[in-house]
N, C-alpha and C. Protein backbone atom coordinates (compact mmCIF):
# COMPACT_ATOMS: atom_id res chain seq x y z
N VAL A 1 -23.97 75.07 4.84
CA VAL A 1 -25.42 75.48 5.43
C VAL A 1 -25.16 76.89 6.48
N ALA A 2 -24.24 76.19 7.23
CA ALA A 2 -24.88 77.18 8.40
C ALA A 2 -24.63 79.01 7.54
N ASN A 3 -23.67 78.63 6.56
CA ASN A 3 -24.30 80.30 6.41
C ASN A 3 -24.98 80.69 5.51
N SER A 4 -26.35 80.18 5.59
CA SER A 4 -27.33 79.95 4.76
C SER A 4 -28.64 80.44 5.71
N ASP A 5 -29.90 80.51 5.03
CA ASP A 5 -31.27 80.73 5.73
C ASP A 5 -31.55 79.03 5.75
N ALA A 6 -30.76 78.24 5.21
CA ALA A 6 -31.09 76.72 5.32
C ALA A 6 -31.04 76.40 6.92
N LEU A 7 -31.81 75.48 6.89
CA LEU A 7 -31.60 74.38 7.93
C LEU A 7 -30.93 72.81 7.89
N LEU A 8 -29.86 72.42 8.40
CA LEU A 8 -29.76 70.55 8.14
C LEU A 8 -30.27 69.90 8.71
N VAL A 9 -30.54 69.71 8.08
CA VAL A 9 -31.66 68.18 8.84
C VAL A 9 -31.16 66.88 8.32
N VAL A 10 -30.60 65.84 9.56
CA VAL A 10 -29.93 64.68 9.34
C VAL A 10 -30.82 63.72 9.62
N ASP A 11 -31.19 62.12 8.58
CA ASP A 11 -31.55 61.20 8.50
C ASP A 11 -31.08 60.71 9.54
N ALA A 12 -30.93 60.24 10.54
CA ALA A 12 -29.52 59.25 11.60
C ALA A 12 -30.42 58.05 11.71
N VAL A 13 -31.51 57.85 10.98
CA VAL A 13 -32.53 56.75 11.83
C VAL A 13 -31.09 54.95 11.30
N SER A 14 -30.42 54.94 10.48
CA SER A 14 -29.51 53.73 10.32
C SER A 14 -28.23 53.91 10.98
N SER A 15 -27.87 55.44 11.13
CA SER A 15 -26.78 55.64 11.74
C SER A 15 -26.54 55.81 13.25
N LEU A 16 -27.50 56.50 13.47
CA LEU A 16 -27.00 57.02 15.52
C LEU A 16 -26.80 55.98 16.21
N GLY A 17 -25.36 55.47 17.16
CA GLY A 17 -25.28 54.66 17.68
C GLY A 17 -24.40 53.45 16.70
N GLY A 18 -24.21 53.84 15.50
CA GLY A 18 -23.33 53.22 15.15
C GLY A 18 -22.43 54.27 14.43
N SER A 19 -21.96 54.93 14.41
CA SER A 19 -21.09 55.77 14.12
C SER A 19 -21.17 57.73 14.80
N TYR A 20 -20.23 58.33 14.88
CA TYR A 20 -20.05 58.89 15.84
C TYR A 20 -20.97 60.22 15.09
N LEU A 21 -21.88 61.30 15.67
CA LEU A 21 -22.89 62.01 15.09
C LEU A 21 -22.84 63.36 16.13
N GLU A 22 -21.85 64.33 15.51
CA GLU A 22 -21.55 65.87 16.45
C GLU A 22 -22.59 66.22 16.23
N THR A 23 -23.63 65.95 16.79
CA THR A 23 -25.29 67.28 16.78
C THR A 23 -24.94 68.65 16.56
N ASP A 24 -24.06 69.19 17.84
CA ASP A 24 -23.78 70.77 18.17
C ASP A 24 -22.29 71.14 17.28
N ALA A 25 -21.22 69.93 17.46
CA ALA A 25 -20.04 70.82 17.05
C ALA A 25 -20.39 70.59 15.62
N TRP A 26 -21.28 70.05 14.94
CA TRP A 26 -21.34 70.09 13.40
C TRP A 26 -22.15 70.66 12.83
N GLY A 27 -23.21 72.08 13.75
CA GLY A 27 -24.01 72.54 13.03
C GLY A 27 -24.88 71.93 12.66
N ILE A 28 -25.54 70.70 12.90
CA ILE A 28 -26.98 70.38 12.80
C ILE A 28 -28.28 70.80 13.46
N ASP A 29 -29.05 70.97 12.52
CA ASP A 29 -30.53 71.89 13.55
C ASP A 29 -31.09 70.88 13.49
N ILE A 30 -31.22 70.06 13.32
CA ILE A 30 -32.72 68.53 13.24
C ILE A 30 -31.22 66.88 12.86
N VAL A 31 -31.82 66.31 14.24
CA VAL A 31 -31.35 64.82 13.95
C VAL A 31 -33.04 64.52 14.12
N CYS A 32 -33.13 63.19 13.19
CA CYS A 32 -34.27 62.18 13.45
C CYS A 32 -33.63 61.06 13.03
N THR A 33 -33.31 60.11 14.53
CA THR A 33 -33.72 59.08 14.29
C THR A 33 -35.02 58.03 15.17
N ALA A 34 -34.48 56.80 15.01
CA ALA A 34 -35.51 55.51 15.62
C ALA A 34 -34.89 54.87 16.24
N SER A 35 -36.17 54.44 17.33
CA SER A 35 -35.50 52.48 17.73
C SER A 35 -35.17 51.38 17.32
N GLN A 36 -35.33 51.24 16.52
CA GLN A 36 -35.26 49.77 16.08
C GLN A 36 -34.51 49.70 15.55
N LYS A 37 -32.70 50.22 15.17
CA LYS A 37 -32.02 50.10 14.42
C LYS A 37 -30.85 50.05 15.53
N CYS A 38 -29.61 51.03 15.79
CA CYS A 38 -28.74 51.35 16.77
C CYS A 38 -29.00 50.48 18.16
N LEU A 39 -30.48 51.49 18.24
CA LEU A 39 -30.49 51.49 19.73
C LEU A 39 -30.89 50.45 20.30
N LEU A 40 -31.43 49.47 19.72
CA LEU A 40 -31.62 47.52 19.79
C LEU A 40 -32.52 47.45 20.11
N THR A 41 -33.91 48.71 20.39
CA THR A 41 -35.36 48.28 20.76
C THR A 41 -36.21 47.66 19.03
N PRO A 42 -37.09 47.35 19.90
CA PRO A 42 -38.27 47.18 18.60
C PRO A 42 -38.55 48.53 17.86
N PRO A 43 -39.50 48.96 16.41
CA PRO A 43 -39.51 50.16 16.25
C PRO A 43 -40.87 50.59 16.80
N GLY A 44 -41.26 51.30 16.42
CA GLY A 44 -42.38 52.75 17.25
C GLY A 44 -41.81 54.31 18.01
N LEU A 45 -40.59 53.35 18.21
CA LEU A 45 -40.49 55.78 18.95
C LEU A 45 -39.34 56.11 17.95
N ALA A 46 -39.63 57.40 18.05
CA ALA A 46 -38.58 58.53 17.13
C ALA A 46 -38.29 59.07 17.91
N PHE A 47 -36.95 59.83 17.70
CA PHE A 47 -36.42 60.86 18.43
C PHE A 47 -36.24 61.95 17.48
N ILE A 48 -36.25 63.28 18.44
CA ILE A 48 -36.11 64.57 17.27
C ILE A 48 -35.09 65.57 18.10
N SER A 49 -33.86 65.75 17.31
CA SER A 49 -33.21 66.81 18.14
C SER A 49 -33.55 68.41 17.00
N VAL A 50 -33.39 69.09 18.19
CA VAL A 50 -33.98 70.47 17.58
C VAL A 50 -33.29 71.89 18.14
N SER A 51 -32.35 72.07 16.92
CA SER A 51 -31.52 73.81 17.18
C SER A 51 -32.14 74.52 17.64
N GLU A 52 -31.81 75.67 18.36
CA GLU A 52 -32.37 77.19 19.21
C GLU A 52 -32.70 77.72 17.18
N ARG A 53 -32.51 77.46 16.20
CA ARG A 53 -32.60 78.19 14.78
C ARG A 53 -33.70 77.57 14.46
N ALA A 54 -33.73 75.98 14.02
CA ALA A 54 -34.66 75.44 13.87
C ALA A 54 -36.15 75.66 14.93
N LYS A 55 -35.92 76.04 15.82
CA LYS A 55 -37.14 76.20 16.71
C LYS A 55 -37.67 77.44 16.23
N GLU A 56 -37.06 78.13 16.33
CA GLU A 56 -37.24 79.52 16.05
C GLU A 56 -37.96 79.80 14.58
N ARG A 57 -37.40 79.10 13.38
CA ARG A 57 -38.13 78.43 12.29
C ARG A 57 -39.40 78.12 11.83
N MET A 58 -39.32 77.14 12.98
CA MET A 58 -40.70 77.07 13.48
C MET A 58 -42.46 77.65 13.63
N LYS A 59 -41.68 78.59 14.11
CA LYS A 59 -42.86 79.46 15.15
C LYS A 59 -43.48 80.32 14.46
N GLU A 60 -41.96 80.38 13.26
CA GLU A 60 -42.95 81.16 11.84
C GLU A 60 -43.54 80.17 11.19
N ILE A 61 -44.03 79.94 10.72
CA ILE A 61 -44.67 78.58 10.05
C ILE A 61 -46.11 79.21 10.73
N LYS A 62 -46.98 79.20 9.89
CA LYS A 62 -48.64 79.73 9.64
C LYS A 62 -49.56 78.79 9.49
N SER A 63 -48.97 77.90 8.19
CA SER A 63 -49.80 76.59 8.05
C SER A 63 -50.29 75.74 8.92
N PRO A 64 -51.61 75.24 8.83
CA PRO A 64 -52.79 74.63 10.11
C PRO A 64 -51.67 73.29 9.57
N ARG A 65 -51.76 72.69 11.31
CA ARG A 65 -51.13 71.69 11.26
C ARG A 65 -50.97 70.81 13.06
N PHE A 66 -50.60 70.03 13.23
CA PHE A 66 -51.61 68.85 14.50
C PHE A 66 -50.98 67.96 14.93
N TYR A 67 -50.38 66.67 14.61
CA TYR A 67 -50.09 65.51 14.32
C TYR A 67 -48.44 65.57 14.75
N PHE A 68 -48.12 66.53 13.94
CA PHE A 68 -45.94 66.19 13.71
C PHE A 68 -45.70 68.04 14.32
N ASN A 69 -46.09 68.44 14.98
CA ASN A 69 -46.14 69.76 16.10
C ASN A 69 -45.51 69.92 16.97
N LEU A 70 -44.03 70.08 16.34
CA LEU A 70 -42.78 69.67 17.42
C LEU A 70 -42.92 70.73 18.60
N LEU A 71 -43.65 72.01 18.48
CA LEU A 71 -43.72 72.97 19.10
C LEU A 71 -44.70 72.53 20.55
N THR A 72 -45.52 71.67 20.14
CA THR A 72 -47.01 70.72 20.64
C THR A 72 -46.31 70.32 21.56
N TYR A 73 -45.20 69.18 21.02
CA TYR A 73 -44.36 68.07 22.20
C TYR A 73 -43.53 68.72 23.25
N GLU A 74 -43.00 69.73 22.62
CA GLU A 74 -41.80 70.55 23.71
C GLU A 74 -42.80 71.23 24.88
N GLU A 75 -44.04 72.04 24.15
CA GLU A 75 -44.94 72.44 25.34
C GLU A 75 -45.59 71.53 26.55
N MET A 76 -45.58 70.48 25.91
CA MET A 76 -46.18 68.65 27.05
C MET A 76 -45.05 68.57 27.77
N LEU A 77 -43.77 68.27 26.88
CA LEU A 77 -43.19 67.99 27.54
C LEU A 77 -41.95 68.50 28.31
N LEU A 78 -42.51 69.47 28.17
CA LEU A 78 -42.28 71.32 29.71
C LEU A 78 -42.84 70.44 31.16
N LYS A 79 -44.30 69.90 30.77
CA LYS A 79 -45.08 70.03 31.85
C LYS A 79 -45.30 68.63 32.59
N GLY A 80 -44.00 67.38 32.23
CA GLY A 80 -43.94 66.14 32.61
C GLY A 80 -44.77 65.13 31.95
N GLN A 81 -45.44 65.03 30.58
CA GLN A 81 -45.81 64.47 29.62
C GLN A 81 -45.82 64.78 28.42
N PRO A 82 -46.29 63.61 27.52
CA PRO A 82 -46.88 63.76 26.35
C PRO A 82 -47.80 64.18 25.61
N PRO A 83 -47.70 64.47 24.53
CA PRO A 83 -49.62 64.95 23.67
C PRO A 83 -50.21 64.29 24.13
N TYR A 84 -49.93 63.02 22.93
CA TYR A 84 -50.62 62.54 22.90
C TYR A 84 -50.56 60.70 23.56
N THR A 85 -50.82 59.41 23.39
CA THR A 85 -50.56 57.79 23.92
C THR A 85 -49.72 57.90 22.95
N PRO A 86 -48.04 57.44 24.10
CA PRO A 86 -47.20 57.15 23.75
C PRO A 86 -47.41 55.21 23.16
N ASN A 87 -46.04 55.65 22.70
CA ASN A 87 -45.61 53.21 22.68
C ASN A 87 -44.90 53.05 24.04
N LEU A 88 -45.80 52.81 24.87
CA LEU A 88 -45.60 52.89 26.59
C LEU A 88 -44.37 51.60 26.89
N SER A 89 -44.23 50.38 26.38
CA SER A 89 -43.60 49.69 26.13
C SER A 89 -42.39 49.45 25.87
N ASN A 90 -42.57 49.78 24.73
CA ASN A 90 -41.36 50.39 23.66
C ASN A 90 -39.92 51.56 24.64
N PHE A 91 -41.30 52.44 25.48
CA PHE A 91 -40.57 52.96 27.16
C PHE A 91 -39.49 52.72 27.85
N PHE A 92 -39.85 50.79 28.47
CA PHE A 92 -39.32 50.26 28.70
C PHE A 92 -38.14 49.78 27.83
N ALA A 93 -38.76 49.69 27.05
CA ALA A 93 -37.41 48.74 25.84
C ALA A 93 -36.71 49.85 25.77
N ILE A 94 -36.89 50.53 25.43
CA ILE A 94 -35.55 51.70 25.10
C ILE A 94 -34.35 52.02 26.28
N GLU A 95 -35.51 51.53 27.80
CA GLU A 95 -34.94 52.26 28.94
C GLU A 95 -33.85 51.54 29.48
N GLU A 96 -33.94 49.69 28.72
CA GLU A 96 -33.06 48.30 28.86
C GLU A 96 -31.65 49.20 28.25
N ALA A 97 -32.19 49.26 27.18
CA ALA A 97 -31.61 48.71 25.75
C ALA A 97 -30.70 50.09 25.96
N LEU A 98 -30.82 51.68 27.01
CA LEU A 98 -30.25 52.51 27.14
C LEU A 98 -29.13 51.90 28.03
N ASP A 99 -29.41 51.09 28.48
CA ASP A 99 -28.20 50.28 29.68
C ASP A 99 -27.47 49.62 29.78
N LEU A 100 -27.37 48.74 28.28
CA LEU A 100 -26.91 48.04 27.48
C LEU A 100 -26.02 49.01 27.10
N ILE A 101 -26.24 49.96 26.42
CA ILE A 101 -25.34 50.74 25.78
C ILE A 101 -24.16 51.61 26.29
N GLU A 102 -24.75 51.83 27.75
CA GLU A 102 -24.19 52.99 28.81
C GLU A 102 -22.85 51.73 29.20
N ALA A 103 -23.51 50.45 29.63
CA ALA A 103 -22.49 49.51 30.16
C ALA A 103 -21.25 49.00 28.89
N GLU A 104 -21.39 49.25 27.88
CA GLU A 104 -20.39 48.30 26.87
C GLU A 104 -19.70 50.37 25.98
N GLY A 105 -20.32 51.23 26.69
CA GLY A 105 -19.46 51.91 26.22
C GLY A 105 -19.88 52.96 24.68
N LEU A 106 -20.16 54.46 24.64
CA LEU A 106 -20.25 54.45 22.98
C LEU A 106 -19.30 54.08 22.10
N ASP A 107 -17.94 54.42 22.69
CA ASP A 107 -16.65 54.21 22.08
C ASP A 107 -16.76 52.72 21.51
N ASN A 108 -16.74 52.06 22.63
CA ASN A 108 -15.93 50.50 22.16
C ASN A 108 -17.86 50.24 21.53
N ILE A 109 -19.08 50.62 21.19
CA ILE A 109 -19.58 50.17 20.51
C ILE A 109 -19.40 50.50 18.61
N ILE A 110 -19.37 51.72 18.90
CA ILE A 110 -18.78 52.42 17.65
C ILE A 110 -17.57 51.26 16.09
N ALA A 111 -16.68 51.05 17.97
CA ALA A 111 -15.18 50.20 17.18
C ALA A 111 -15.97 49.11 16.87
N ARG A 112 -17.09 48.29 17.74
CA ARG A 112 -17.37 46.87 17.03
C ARG A 112 -18.71 47.29 15.46
N HIS A 113 -19.18 48.84 15.55
CA HIS A 113 -19.56 48.48 14.13
C HIS A 113 -18.64 48.75 13.06
N TYR A 114 -17.77 49.96 13.48
CA TYR A 114 -16.72 49.52 12.25
C TYR A 114 -16.21 48.33 12.05
N LEU A 115 -16.14 47.28 13.34
CA LEU A 115 -15.31 46.39 13.11
C LEU A 115 -16.22 45.16 12.14
N LEU A 116 -17.45 45.37 12.48
CA LEU A 116 -18.44 44.17 11.78
C LEU A 116 -18.23 44.74 10.50
N ARG A 117 -18.52 46.58 9.90
CA ARG A 117 -18.36 46.50 8.55
C ARG A 117 -17.40 45.99 7.71
N ASP A 118 -16.08 45.88 8.64
CA ASP A 118 -14.98 45.43 7.81
C ASP A 118 -14.70 44.15 7.25
N MET A 119 -15.25 43.30 7.83
CA MET A 119 -15.41 41.90 8.11
C MET A 119 -16.26 41.58 6.97
N ILE A 120 -17.10 41.93 6.78
CA ILE A 120 -17.47 41.85 5.68
C ILE A 120 -17.42 42.53 4.83
N ARG A 121 -17.36 43.67 5.02
CA ARG A 121 -16.54 44.22 2.81
C ARG A 121 -15.53 43.55 2.91
N ALA A 122 -14.81 42.87 4.30
CA ALA A 122 -12.82 41.67 3.20
C ALA A 122 -13.66 40.37 3.01
N GLY A 123 -14.96 40.20 3.90
CA GLY A 123 -15.21 39.37 2.87
C GLY A 123 -15.76 38.48 1.81
N ILE A 124 -16.87 39.85 1.54
CA ILE A 124 -17.55 39.87 -0.07
C ILE A 124 -16.70 39.55 -0.65
N GLN A 125 -15.56 40.66 -0.83
CA GLN A 125 -15.04 40.65 -1.42
C GLN A 125 -13.50 39.79 -2.25
N ALA A 126 -13.65 38.57 -0.92
CA ALA A 126 -12.96 37.60 -0.80
C ALA A 126 -13.59 36.69 -1.98
N LEU A 127 -14.92 36.93 -1.50
CA LEU A 127 -15.63 36.01 -2.90
C LEU A 127 -15.54 36.15 -4.34
N GLY A 128 -14.94 37.82 -4.59
CA GLY A 128 -15.14 38.23 -5.73
C GLY A 128 -16.73 38.94 -6.25
N LEU A 129 -17.46 39.68 -5.06
CA LEU A 129 -18.22 40.64 -5.22
C LEU A 129 -18.01 41.80 -5.36
N LYS A 130 -19.17 42.16 -6.13
CA LYS A 130 -18.85 42.98 -6.25
C LYS A 130 -19.52 44.68 -5.09
N LEU A 131 -18.95 44.88 -4.21
CA LEU A 131 -19.52 45.95 -3.30
C LEU A 131 -20.48 47.43 -4.09
N LEU A 132 -21.23 47.83 -3.08
CA LEU A 132 -22.40 48.83 -3.90
C LEU A 132 -21.93 50.33 -4.23
N VAL A 133 -20.63 50.44 -2.73
CA VAL A 133 -19.81 52.17 -2.55
C VAL A 133 -18.91 51.73 -1.95
N GLU A 134 -17.79 52.46 -2.58
CA GLU A 134 -16.42 52.60 -2.52
C GLU A 134 -16.20 52.31 -1.04
N GLU A 135 -14.63 52.86 0.07
CA GLU A 135 -14.49 52.26 0.70
C GLU A 135 -15.08 53.66 1.53
N ARG A 136 -14.62 54.40 1.06
CA ARG A 136 -14.81 55.96 2.01
C ARG A 136 -16.57 56.59 2.33
N TRP A 137 -17.28 55.79 1.56
CA TRP A 137 -18.56 55.96 1.93
C TRP A 137 -19.40 55.11 2.40
N ALA A 138 -18.36 53.28 2.96
CA ALA A 138 -19.19 52.71 3.36
C ALA A 138 -20.01 52.81 4.73
N SER A 139 -21.09 52.36 4.77
CA SER A 139 -21.81 51.98 6.49
C SER A 139 -21.51 51.69 6.38
N THR A 140 -20.76 51.80 8.36
CA THR A 140 -21.64 50.86 9.68
C THR A 140 -22.23 49.95 9.98
N THR A 141 -22.57 49.78 9.62
CA THR A 141 -24.61 49.42 9.68
C THR A 141 -25.04 49.19 8.56
N VAL A 142 -24.81 49.41 7.39
CA VAL A 142 -25.56 47.86 6.72
C VAL A 142 -23.95 48.30 5.25
N THR A 143 -24.05 47.04 4.27
CA THR A 143 -23.64 47.16 3.30
C THR A 143 -24.21 46.17 1.92
N ALA A 144 -24.29 46.93 1.21
CA ALA A 144 -24.88 46.87 0.27
C ALA A 144 -24.34 45.51 -0.91
N VAL A 145 -24.24 45.03 -1.94
CA VAL A 145 -23.56 44.06 -2.23
C VAL A 145 -24.61 43.72 -3.72
N VAL A 146 -23.22 43.55 -4.62
CA VAL A 146 -23.78 43.78 -6.36
C VAL A 146 -23.59 42.13 -6.40
N PRO A 147 -24.66 41.42 -6.00
CA PRO A 147 -23.72 39.97 -6.80
C PRO A 147 -23.96 38.99 -8.67
N GLU A 148 -24.26 40.11 -9.33
CA GLU A 148 -24.34 39.32 -10.15
C GLU A 148 -24.84 38.32 -10.81
N ILE A 149 -26.15 37.92 -9.63
CA ILE A 149 -27.36 36.90 -9.60
C ILE A 149 -27.92 36.95 -10.08
N ASP A 150 -28.32 35.31 -10.69
CA ASP A 150 -29.74 35.74 -11.91
C ASP A 150 -31.47 36.15 -11.22
N ASN A 151 -31.47 35.81 -10.25
CA ASN A 151 -32.39 36.14 -9.27
C ASN A 151 -32.13 36.07 -8.40
N ILE A 152 -32.18 36.88 -7.45
CA ILE A 152 -31.53 37.29 -6.25
C ILE A 152 -32.58 37.01 -5.09
N GLY A 153 -33.68 37.32 -5.34
CA GLY A 153 -34.82 36.29 -4.01
C GLY A 153 -34.76 35.20 -3.61
N ASP A 154 -34.43 34.33 -5.19
CA ASP A 154 -34.32 33.02 -4.83
C ASP A 154 -33.18 32.94 -3.73
N PHE A 155 -31.56 33.53 -4.34
CA PHE A 155 -30.15 33.66 -3.61
C PHE A 155 -31.33 33.54 -2.21
N LEU A 156 -31.73 34.44 -1.84
CA LEU A 156 -32.27 35.21 -0.33
C LEU A 156 -32.83 33.88 0.39
N LYS A 157 -33.83 33.53 -0.05
CA LYS A 157 -34.92 32.48 0.22
C LYS A 157 -33.80 31.52 0.79
N ASN A 158 -33.23 31.36 -0.22
CA ASN A 158 -32.05 29.60 -0.16
C ASN A 158 -30.95 29.73 1.54
N LEU A 159 -30.96 31.01 1.06
CA LEU A 159 -29.95 31.51 2.94
C LEU A 159 -31.16 31.78 3.52
N TYR A 160 -32.25 32.18 3.63
CA TYR A 160 -33.27 31.73 4.62
C TYR A 160 -33.45 30.14 5.13
N PHE A 161 -34.15 29.43 4.47
CA PHE A 161 -34.27 28.14 4.89
C PHE A 161 -33.41 26.67 4.62
N ASN A 162 -32.53 27.27 4.42
CA ASN A 162 -31.41 25.97 4.65
C ASN A 162 -30.45 27.09 5.54
N TYR A 163 -30.14 27.89 4.98
CA TYR A 163 -28.72 27.95 6.65
C TYR A 163 -29.57 28.94 7.51
N GLY A 164 -30.53 29.68 7.87
CA GLY A 164 -31.52 30.01 8.96
C GLY A 164 -30.35 32.22 9.32
N VAL A 165 -30.52 32.11 8.06
CA VAL A 165 -29.65 33.81 7.71
C VAL A 165 -30.85 34.54 6.77
N GLU A 166 -31.32 35.45 7.59
CA GLU A 166 -31.94 36.16 6.81
C GLU A 166 -31.39 37.95 6.34
N LEU A 167 -31.28 38.12 4.89
CA LEU A 167 -31.04 39.29 4.86
C LEU A 167 -31.71 40.01 3.78
N ALA A 168 -31.41 41.24 3.32
CA ALA A 168 -32.70 41.89 2.84
C ALA A 168 -31.70 42.38 2.13
N GLY A 169 -33.07 42.63 0.37
CA GLY A 169 -32.81 42.87 -1.43
C GLY A 169 -32.86 44.29 -0.92
N GLY A 170 -32.44 44.37 -1.95
CA GLY A 170 -32.33 46.43 -2.29
C GLY A 170 -33.47 47.07 -2.76
N GLN A 171 -33.37 47.90 -2.96
CA GLN A 171 -35.11 48.71 -2.82
C GLN A 171 -34.52 50.18 -3.71
N GLY A 172 -35.94 50.23 -4.66
CA GLY A 172 -35.83 51.22 -5.59
C GLY A 172 -35.48 50.62 -6.80
N LYS A 173 -35.00 50.80 -7.74
CA LYS A 173 -33.39 50.40 -8.59
C LYS A 173 -33.31 49.23 -8.51
N LEU A 174 -32.82 48.81 -7.16
CA LEU A 174 -31.70 48.23 -7.20
C LEU A 174 -31.90 47.21 -6.05
N ALA A 175 -33.51 46.98 -5.84
CA ALA A 175 -33.95 46.05 -5.69
C ALA A 175 -33.65 44.59 -6.39
N THR A 176 -33.60 44.30 -7.99
CA THR A 176 -33.48 42.81 -8.42
C THR A 176 -31.66 42.63 -8.79
N THR A 177 -31.26 44.08 -8.05
CA THR A 177 -29.97 43.98 -8.59
C THR A 177 -29.04 43.73 -6.95
N THR A 178 -29.39 43.76 -6.07
CA THR A 178 -28.49 44.35 -5.14
C THR A 178 -29.86 43.31 -3.72
N PHE A 179 -28.36 42.96 -2.82
CA PHE A 179 -29.02 42.39 -0.97
C PHE A 179 -28.40 43.49 -0.52
N ARG A 180 -28.81 43.36 0.94
CA ARG A 180 -27.49 44.59 2.01
C ARG A 180 -28.23 43.51 3.15
N ILE A 181 -26.89 43.14 3.29
CA ILE A 181 -26.02 43.14 4.80
C ILE A 181 -26.41 43.86 6.28
N GLY A 182 -27.54 43.54 7.22
CA GLY A 182 -26.96 44.08 8.31
C GLY A 182 -25.95 44.40 9.38
N HIS A 183 -25.73 45.05 9.89
CA HIS A 183 -23.98 44.68 11.08
C HIS A 183 -24.63 45.72 11.99
N MET A 184 -25.57 46.10 13.00
CA MET A 184 -25.93 46.51 13.63
C MET A 184 -26.35 46.03 14.67
N GLY A 185 -27.00 46.94 15.88
CA GLY A 185 -27.15 46.48 16.91
C GLY A 185 -26.95 45.24 17.79
N TYR A 186 -27.56 44.95 17.87
CA TYR A 186 -26.57 43.44 18.92
C TYR A 186 -25.43 42.60 17.62
N ALA A 187 -25.51 43.01 16.57
CA ALA A 187 -24.63 42.42 16.11
C ALA A 187 -22.90 42.03 16.45
N THR A 188 -22.10 40.68 16.42
CA THR A 188 -21.42 40.37 16.58
C THR A 188 -20.63 39.80 15.77
N PRO A 189 -19.20 39.40 15.87
CA PRO A 189 -17.80 39.11 14.49
C PRO A 189 -18.54 37.81 14.41
N LEU A 190 -18.84 37.21 15.72
CA LEU A 190 -19.28 35.31 15.11
C LEU A 190 -20.71 35.75 14.15
N ASP A 191 -21.47 36.55 14.36
CA ASP A 191 -22.86 36.50 13.72
C ASP A 191 -22.08 36.46 12.34
N MET A 192 -21.27 38.13 12.05
CA MET A 192 -20.49 38.10 10.76
C MET A 192 -20.16 36.78 9.75
N LEU A 193 -19.44 36.38 10.83
CA LEU A 193 -18.52 34.69 10.29
C LEU A 193 -20.16 34.07 9.68
N THR A 194 -20.85 34.12 10.72
CA THR A 194 -22.09 32.70 10.65
C THR A 194 -22.77 32.96 8.74
N THR A 195 -22.67 34.47 9.01
CA THR A 195 -23.74 35.15 7.52
C THR A 195 -22.51 34.72 5.94
N LEU A 196 -21.47 34.94 6.68
CA LEU A 196 -20.03 34.96 5.65
C LEU A 196 -20.61 33.98 4.81
N ALA A 197 -20.33 32.52 5.78
CA ALA A 197 -20.53 30.69 5.65
C ALA A 197 -21.38 30.95 4.96
N ALA A 198 -22.70 31.09 5.18
CA ALA A 198 -23.78 31.09 4.19
C ALA A 198 -24.05 31.26 3.23
N ILE A 199 -23.57 32.38 2.66
CA ILE A 199 -23.74 33.80 1.54
C ILE A 199 -21.89 32.38 0.64
N GLU A 200 -21.31 32.18 1.29
CA GLU A 200 -20.34 31.69 0.12
C GLU A 200 -20.35 29.84 0.55
N ALA A 201 -21.01 29.26 1.41
CA ALA A 201 -22.00 27.90 0.58
C ALA A 201 -22.80 27.98 -0.13
N SER A 202 -23.72 28.92 -0.14
CA SER A 202 -24.76 29.32 -1.53
C SER A 202 -24.20 29.52 -2.69
N LEU A 203 -23.20 29.60 -2.66
CA LEU A 203 -22.67 29.83 -4.02
C LEU A 203 -21.65 28.61 -4.12
N GLY A 204 -21.57 27.38 -3.61
CA GLY A 204 -20.43 26.75 -3.76
C GLY A 204 -18.58 27.30 -3.00
N LYS A 205 -18.55 27.91 -2.73
CA LYS A 205 -17.24 28.13 -1.60
C LYS A 205 -16.61 27.77 -0.45
N PHE A 206 -16.17 27.75 -0.13
CA PHE A 206 -16.12 27.28 1.45
C PHE A 206 -14.71 28.10 2.34
N GLY A 207 -15.33 28.65 3.01
CA GLY A 207 -13.76 28.88 3.51
C GLY A 207 -13.18 30.25 3.41
N VAL A 208 -13.42 31.07 2.22
CA VAL A 208 -12.69 31.72 1.51
C VAL A 208 -13.37 33.37 2.29
N ALA A 209 -14.44 33.69 2.26
CA ALA A 209 -15.10 35.30 2.59
C ALA A 209 -14.72 34.73 4.59
N THR A 210 -14.78 33.90 4.79
CA THR A 210 -14.95 34.00 6.71
C THR A 210 -13.41 33.62 7.07
N ALA A 211 -12.37 33.16 6.07
CA ALA A 211 -10.89 33.07 6.39
C ALA A 211 -10.58 34.60 5.85
N ALA A 212 -11.07 35.50 5.19
CA ALA A 212 -10.80 37.03 5.12
C ALA A 212 -11.62 37.48 6.15
N ALA A 213 -12.94 37.43 6.20
CA ALA A 213 -13.13 37.97 7.55
C ALA A 213 -12.59 38.29 9.13
N GLU A 214 -12.32 36.37 9.27
CA GLU A 214 -11.53 35.98 10.24
C GLU A 214 -9.46 37.14 10.66
N GLN A 215 -9.54 37.46 9.78
CA GLN A 215 -8.30 38.18 9.48
C GLN A 215 -8.52 39.29 10.00
N VAL A 216 -9.35 39.51 9.60
CA VAL A 216 -10.11 41.09 10.08
C VAL A 216 -10.23 41.55 11.60
N TRP A 217 -10.90 39.98 11.95
CA TRP A 217 -10.68 40.19 13.70
C TRP A 217 -9.84 39.95 14.12
N VAL A 218 -8.94 39.27 13.43
CA VAL A 218 -7.94 39.27 14.53
C VAL A 218 -6.53 40.37 14.54
N GLU A 219 -6.62 40.98 13.44
CA GLU A 219 -5.63 42.46 13.10
C GLU A 219 -6.46 42.82 14.63
N ALA A 220 -7.48 43.76 14.07
CA ALA A 220 -8.16 44.59 15.11
C ALA A 220 -8.23 43.97 16.73
N MET A 221 -8.58 42.48 17.29
CA MET A 221 -7.80 42.63 18.27
C MET A 221 -6.59 42.18 18.78
N ASN A 222 -5.28 42.39 17.85
CA ASN A 222 -4.18 42.50 18.22
C ASN A 222 -4.10 43.65 18.27
N LYS A 223 -4.38 44.53 17.62
CA LYS A 223 -4.06 46.04 17.52
C LYS A 223 -4.69 46.57 19.01
N ASN A 224 -5.39 46.15 19.63
CA ASN A 224 -6.79 46.64 21.31
C ASN A 224 -6.24 45.54 22.14
N ARG A 225 -4.39 45.06 21.75
CA ARG A 225 -4.22 44.38 22.89
C ARG A 225 -2.92 45.57 23.82
């Protein structure tokens, strides 16, 4: 892409803060993310980085635009104010969240996300369930499971009402064949064990998934000693 006129645009809503994103080193022109995933904040804020190449391309656009004119945002930010009324409460929330992120350290946060992913994948596979994507494409923030269950909606309701664990169904064509486990933001290894325990109890299997996940956790702790 760098050798063409095309701009490289990355949707990092679910990944920023959960995996490395080297915007300049990788030659990314535009990165878009939001507050509600790994940035530990309620939804309501968007963050966009723009390269000089992308900025020059924006200046060439002649079509009328108003709300999503990033050049207007830049002009107003140079004056120290937003162009429109922002989500002020989330400004305070993201400030606190960034303090937490700084305290834990980005490398530690990303390592935690990798650990949570590996725990979930090990536990799900120990139950004999299929994962939607293979290891090399596995996200550090969400895992999609193909459970081969007749009614995934009922399965998810059972998890929530009987065990207090809320998972998401699939989207689009995968809505009736998959469910998703989020392991981002504030999530901890204990949260993963709780989630896996609820899943295996719902399937009538006990101690299988949690044992596999615990082994991953123990190996990670021993490695870091």
